[in-house]
Amino acid sequence: MSRPSRTPGICRIDQPEKDTHGFLMRARREGKMYSAVFKKK
């Protein structure tokens, strides 16, 4: 289990079986939820 992020709304994603490594960002603005995945190459 990974430790909690120091930056709320951003978490690290590591799924070797799916070859997915990167960061997930989530934010709420004016009542709408936004999310984005930034993959490492």
Protein backbone atom coordinates (compact mmCIF):
# COMPACT_ATOMS: atom_id res chain seq x y z
CA MET A 1 0.00 0.00 0.00
CA SER A 2 1.33 3.42 -0.91
CA ARG A 3 1.48 6.35 1.46
CA PRO A 4 -0.97 9.27 1.12
CA SER A 5 -0.05 12.09 -1.23
CA ARG A 6 1.15 15.37 0.22
CA THR A 7 -0.86 17.12 -2.50
CA PRO A 8 -4.62 16.59 -2.16
CA GLY A 9 -6.32 15.53 -5.39
CA ILE A 10 -3.20 13.98 -6.95
CA CYS A 11 -2.27 10.31 -6.64
CA ARG A 12 0.29 8.01 -8.21
CA ILE A 13 -0.91 5.08 -10.36
CA ASP A 14 1.28 2.00 -10.86
CA GLN A 15 -0.27 -1.04 -12.55
CA PRO A 16 2.60 -3.10 -14.02
CA GLU A 17 0.23 -5.78 -15.37
CA LYS A 18 -1.44 -3.09 -17.53
CA ASP A 19 1.82 -1.18 -18.13
CA THR A 20 0.23 1.92 -16.58
CA HIS A 21 2.39 4.34 -14.63
CA GLY A 22 1.53 7.97 -14.01
CA PHE A 23 -0.53 10.38 -11.96
CA LEU A 24 -4.28 10.91 -11.54
CA MET A 25 -5.44 14.46 -10.86
CA ARG A 26 -8.92 15.30 -9.59
CA ALA A 27 -10.36 18.73 -8.88
CA ARG A 28 -13.76 20.26 -8.27
CA ARG A 29 -14.57 23.70 -9.66
CA GLU A 30 -17.93 25.45 -9.53
CA GLY A 31 -19.60 22.16 -8.53
CA LYS A 32 -18.19 20.17 -11.48
CA MET A 33 -15.62 17.37 -11.06
CA TYR A 34 -12.62 17.28 -13.40
CA SER A 35 -10.08 14.49 -13.69
CA ALA A 36 -7.04 13.81 -15.85
CA VAL A 37 -4.42 11.08 -16.11
CA PHE A 38 -0.82 11.98 -16.89
CA LYS A 39 1.08 8.90 -18.07
CA LYS A 40 4.82 8.44 -17.82
CA LYS A 41 6.63 7.11 -20.87
